[in-house]
Amino acid sequence: ADEVYDPYGAPITFFRSIGDEINQALDPVVTALTGVRAPH
């Protein structure tokens, strides 16, 4: 298998996509708190 897997057997891309969703959800909060858009 060429894909890199974490110790729990889930593809890294799975967690990366979830991280992107979390970042998108938190962007308005970070912007409201700091007045600056979160870097991506």
PDB file of N, CA and C in Angstrom:
ATOM      1  N   ALA A   1       0.853  -1.202   0.000  1.00  0.00           N
ATOM      2  CA  ALA A   1       0.000   0.000   0.000  1.00  0.00           C
ATOM      3  C   ALA A   1       0.882   1.243   0.000  1.00  0.00           C
ATOM      4  N   ASP A   2       0.678   2.102  -0.971  1.00  0.00           N
ATOM      5  CA  ASP A   2       1.478   3.323  -1.057  1.00  0.00           C
ATOM      6  C   ASP A   2       0.956   4.393  -0.114  1.00  0.00           C
ATOM      7  N   GLU A   3      -0.342   4.315   0.226  1.00  0.00           N
ATOM      8  CA  GLU A   3      -0.914   5.367   1.061  1.00  0.00           C
ATOM      9  C   GLU A   3      -0.375   5.269   2.483  1.00  0.00           C
ATOM     10  N   VAL A   4      -0.224   6.416   3.118  1.00  0.00           N
ATOM     11  CA  VAL A   4       0.262   6.452   4.493  1.00  0.00           C
ATOM     12  C   VAL A   4      -0.929   6.344   5.442  1.00  0.00           C
ATOM     13  N   TYR A   5      -0.826   5.425   6.398  1.00  0.00           N
ATOM     14  CA  TYR A   5      -1.922   5.233   7.351  1.00  0.00           C
ATOM     15  C   TYR A   5      -1.442   5.576   8.757  1.00  0.00           C
ATOM     16  N   ASP A   6      -2.353   6.110   9.547  1.00  0.00           N
ATOM     17  CA  ASP A   6      -2.000   6.415  10.934  1.00  0.00           C
ATOM     18  C   ASP A   6      -2.127   5.132  11.750  1.00  0.00           C
ATOM     19  N   PRO A   7      -1.718   5.129  13.015  1.00  0.00           N
ATOM     20  CA  PRO A   7      -1.728   3.894  13.816  1.00  0.00           C
ATOM     21  C   PRO A   7      -3.106   3.259  13.924  1.00  0.00           C
ATOM     22  N   TYR A   8      -4.166   4.027  13.718  1.00  0.00           N
ATOM     23  CA  TYR A   8      -5.512   3.484  13.882  1.00  0.00           C
ATOM     24  C   TYR A   8      -6.058   2.939  12.569  1.00  0.00           C
ATOM     25  N   GLY A   9      -5.290   3.070  11.481  1.00  0.00           N
ATOM     26  CA  GLY A   9      -5.675   2.452  10.236  1.00  0.00           C
ATOM     27  C   GLY A   9      -6.526   3.331   9.343  1.00  0.00           C
ATOM     28  N   ALA A  10      -6.714   4.584   9.717  1.00  0.00           N
ATOM     29  CA  ALA A  10      -7.499   5.491   8.877  1.00  0.00           C
ATOM     30  C   ALA A  10      -6.550   6.295   7.999  1.00  0.00           C
ATOM     31  N   PRO A  11      -6.929   6.553   6.757  1.00  0.00           N
ATOM     32  CA  PRO A  11      -6.061   7.338   5.877  1.00  0.00           C
ATOM     33  C   PRO A  11      -5.839   8.740   6.429  1.00  0.00           C
ATOM     34  N   ILE A  12      -4.617   9.242   6.239  1.00  0.00           N
ATOM     35  CA  ILE A  12      -4.299  10.589   6.706  1.00  0.00           C
ATOM     36  C   ILE A  12      -5.215  11.605   6.036  1.00  0.00           C
ATOM     37  N   THR A  13      -5.569  11.352   4.778  1.00  0.00           N
ATOM     38  CA  THR A  13      -6.416  12.309   4.062  1.00  0.00           C
ATOM     39  C   THR A  13      -7.769  12.434   4.739  1.00  0.00           C
ATOM     40  N   PHE A  14      -8.213  11.377   5.404  1.00  0.00           N
ATOM     41  CA  PHE A  14      -9.488  11.435   6.121  1.00  0.00           C
ATOM     42  C   PHE A  14      -9.421  12.497   7.211  1.00  0.00           C
ATOM     43  N   PHE A  15      -8.348  12.472   7.990  1.00  0.00           N
ATOM     44  CA  PHE A  15      -8.203  13.457   9.058  1.00  0.00           C
ATOM     45  C   PHE A  15      -7.952  14.844   8.493  1.00  0.00           C
ATOM     46  N   ARG A  16      -7.251  14.903   7.359  1.00  0.00           N
ATOM     47  CA  ARG A  16      -6.961  16.207   6.766  1.00  0.00           C
ATOM     48  C   ARG A  16      -8.253  16.865   6.304  1.00  0.00           C
ATOM     49  N   SER A  17      -9.166  16.083   5.715  1.00  0.00           N
ATOM     50  CA  SER A  17     -10.435  16.654   5.251  1.00  0.00           C
ATOM     51  C   SER A  17     -11.264  17.112   6.443  1.00  0.00           C
ATOM     52  N   ILE A  18     -11.224  16.352   7.531  1.00  0.00           N
ATOM     53  CA  ILE A  18     -11.956  16.762   8.735  1.00  0.00           C
ATOM     54  C   ILE A  18     -11.343  18.044   9.288  1.00  0.00           C
ATOM     55  N   GLY A  19     -10.020  18.140   9.260  1.00  0.00           N
ATOM     56  CA  GLY A  19      -9.358  19.356   9.728  1.00  0.00           C
ATOM     57  C   GLY A  19      -9.778  20.561   8.909  1.00  0.00           C
ATOM     58  N   ASP A  20      -9.922  20.370   7.592  1.00  0.00           N
ATOM     59  CA  ASP A  20     -10.359  21.473   6.739  1.00  0.00           C
ATOM     60  C   ASP A  20     -11.757  21.918   7.130  1.00  0.00           C
ATOM     61  N   GLU A  21     -12.649  20.961   7.410  1.00  0.00           N
ATOM     62  CA  GLU A  21     -14.012  21.319   7.795  1.00  0.00           C
ATOM     63  C   GLU A  21     -14.009  22.075   9.115  1.00  0.00           C
ATOM     64  N   ILE A  22     -13.163  21.632  10.052  1.00  0.00           N
ATOM     65  CA  ILE A  22     -13.078  22.321  11.342  1.00  0.00           C
ATOM     66  C   ILE A  22     -12.563  23.737  11.138  1.00  0.00           C
ATOM     67  N   ASN A  23     -11.543  23.895  10.292  1.00  0.00           N
ATOM     68  CA  ASN A  23     -11.001  25.229  10.033  1.00  0.00           C
ATOM     69  C   ASN A  23     -12.062  26.139   9.444  1.00  0.00           C
ATOM     70  N   GLN A  24     -12.842  25.619   8.497  1.00  0.00           N
ATOM     71  CA  GLN A  24     -13.886  26.424   7.880  1.00  0.00           C
ATOM     72  C   GLN A  24     -14.936  26.809   8.913  1.00  0.00           C
ATOM     73  N   ALA A  25     -15.257  25.907   9.823  1.00  0.00           N
ATOM     74  CA  ALA A  25     -16.261  26.190  10.840  1.00  0.00           C
ATOM     75  C   ALA A  25     -15.751  27.213  11.848  1.00  0.00           C
ATOM     76  N   LEU A  26     -14.448  27.178  12.134  1.00  0.00           N
ATOM     77  CA  LEU A  26     -13.889  28.078  13.141  1.00  0.00           C
ATOM     78  C   LEU A  26     -13.498  29.428  12.567  1.00  0.00           C
ATOM     79  N   ASP A  27     -13.382  29.529  11.245  1.00  0.00           N
ATOM     80  CA  ASP A  27     -12.963  30.788  10.630  1.00  0.00           C
ATOM     81  C   ASP A  27     -13.787  31.980  11.110  1.00  0.00           C
ATOM     82  N   PRO A  28     -15.128  31.921  11.072  1.00  0.00           N
ATOM     83  CA  PRO A  28     -15.908  33.085  11.529  1.00  0.00           C
ATOM     84  C   PRO A  28     -15.638  33.422  12.989  1.00  0.00           C
ATOM     85  N   VAL A  29     -15.413  32.396  13.808  1.00  0.00           N
ATOM     86  CA  VAL A  29     -15.156  32.635  15.234  1.00  0.00           C
ATOM     87  C   VAL A  29     -13.817  33.332  15.412  1.00  0.00           C
ATOM     88  N   VAL A  30     -12.800  32.810  14.727  1.00  0.00           N
ATOM     89  CA  VAL A  30     -11.467  33.412  14.835  1.00  0.00           C
ATOM     90  C   VAL A  30     -11.501  34.842  14.321  1.00  0.00           C
ATOM     91  N   THR A  31     -12.223  35.059  13.216  1.00  0.00           N
ATOM     92  CA  THR A  31     -12.310  36.402  12.652  1.00  0.00           C
ATOM     93  C   THR A  31     -13.002  37.345  13.630  1.00  0.00           C
ATOM     94  N   ALA A  32     -14.052  36.866  14.283  1.00  0.00           N
ATOM     95  CA  ALA A  32     -14.785  37.714  15.216  1.00  0.00           C
ATOM     96  C   ALA A  32     -13.936  38.024  16.445  1.00  0.00           C
ATOM     97  N   LEU A  33     -13.145  37.059  16.888  1.00  0.00           N
ATOM     98  CA  LEU A  33     -12.372  37.251  18.113  1.00  0.00           C
ATOM     99  C   LEU A  33     -11.130  38.099  17.868  1.00  0.00           C
ATOM    100  N   THR A  34     -10.471  37.883  16.738  1.00  0.00           N
ATOM    101  CA  THR A  34      -9.182  38.532  16.510  1.00  0.00           C
ATOM    102  C   THR A  34      -9.268  39.645  15.487  1.00  0.00           C
ATOM    103  N   GLY A  35     -10.335  39.658  14.676  1.00  0.00           N
ATOM    104  CA  GLY A  35     -10.438  40.645  13.615  1.00  0.00           C
ATOM    105  C   GLY A  35      -9.559  40.301  12.428  1.00  0.00           C
ATOM    106  N   VAL A  36      -8.952  39.100  12.448  1.00  0.00           N
ATOM    107  CA  VAL A  36      -8.080  38.675  11.357  1.00  0.00           C
ATOM    108  C   VAL A  36      -8.535  37.296  10.901  1.00  0.00           C
ATOM    109  N   ARG A  37      -8.607  37.093   9.585  1.00  0.00           N
ATOM    110  CA  ARG A  37      -8.981  35.769   9.092  1.00  0.00           C
ATOM    111  C   ARG A  37      -7.864  34.775   9.382  1.00  0.00           C
ATOM    112  N   ALA A  38      -8.258  33.576   9.766  1.00  0.00           N
ATOM    113  CA  ALA A  38      -7.275  32.543  10.068  1.00  0.00           C
ATOM    114  C   ALA A  38      -6.525  32.158   8.802  1.00  0.00           C
ATOM    115  N   PRO A  39      -5.215  32.011   8.876  1.00  0.00           N
ATOM    116  CA  PRO A  39      -4.442  31.614   7.691  1.00  0.00           C
ATOM    117  C   PRO A  39      -4.731  30.173   7.315  1.00  0.00           C
ATOM    118  N   HIS A  40      -4.611  29.849   6.038  1.00  0.00           N
ATOM    119  CA  HIS A  40      -4.846  28.482   5.571  1.00  0.00           C
ATOM    120  C   HIS A  40      -3.572  27.957   4.924  1.00  0.00           C
TER     121      HIS A  40
END
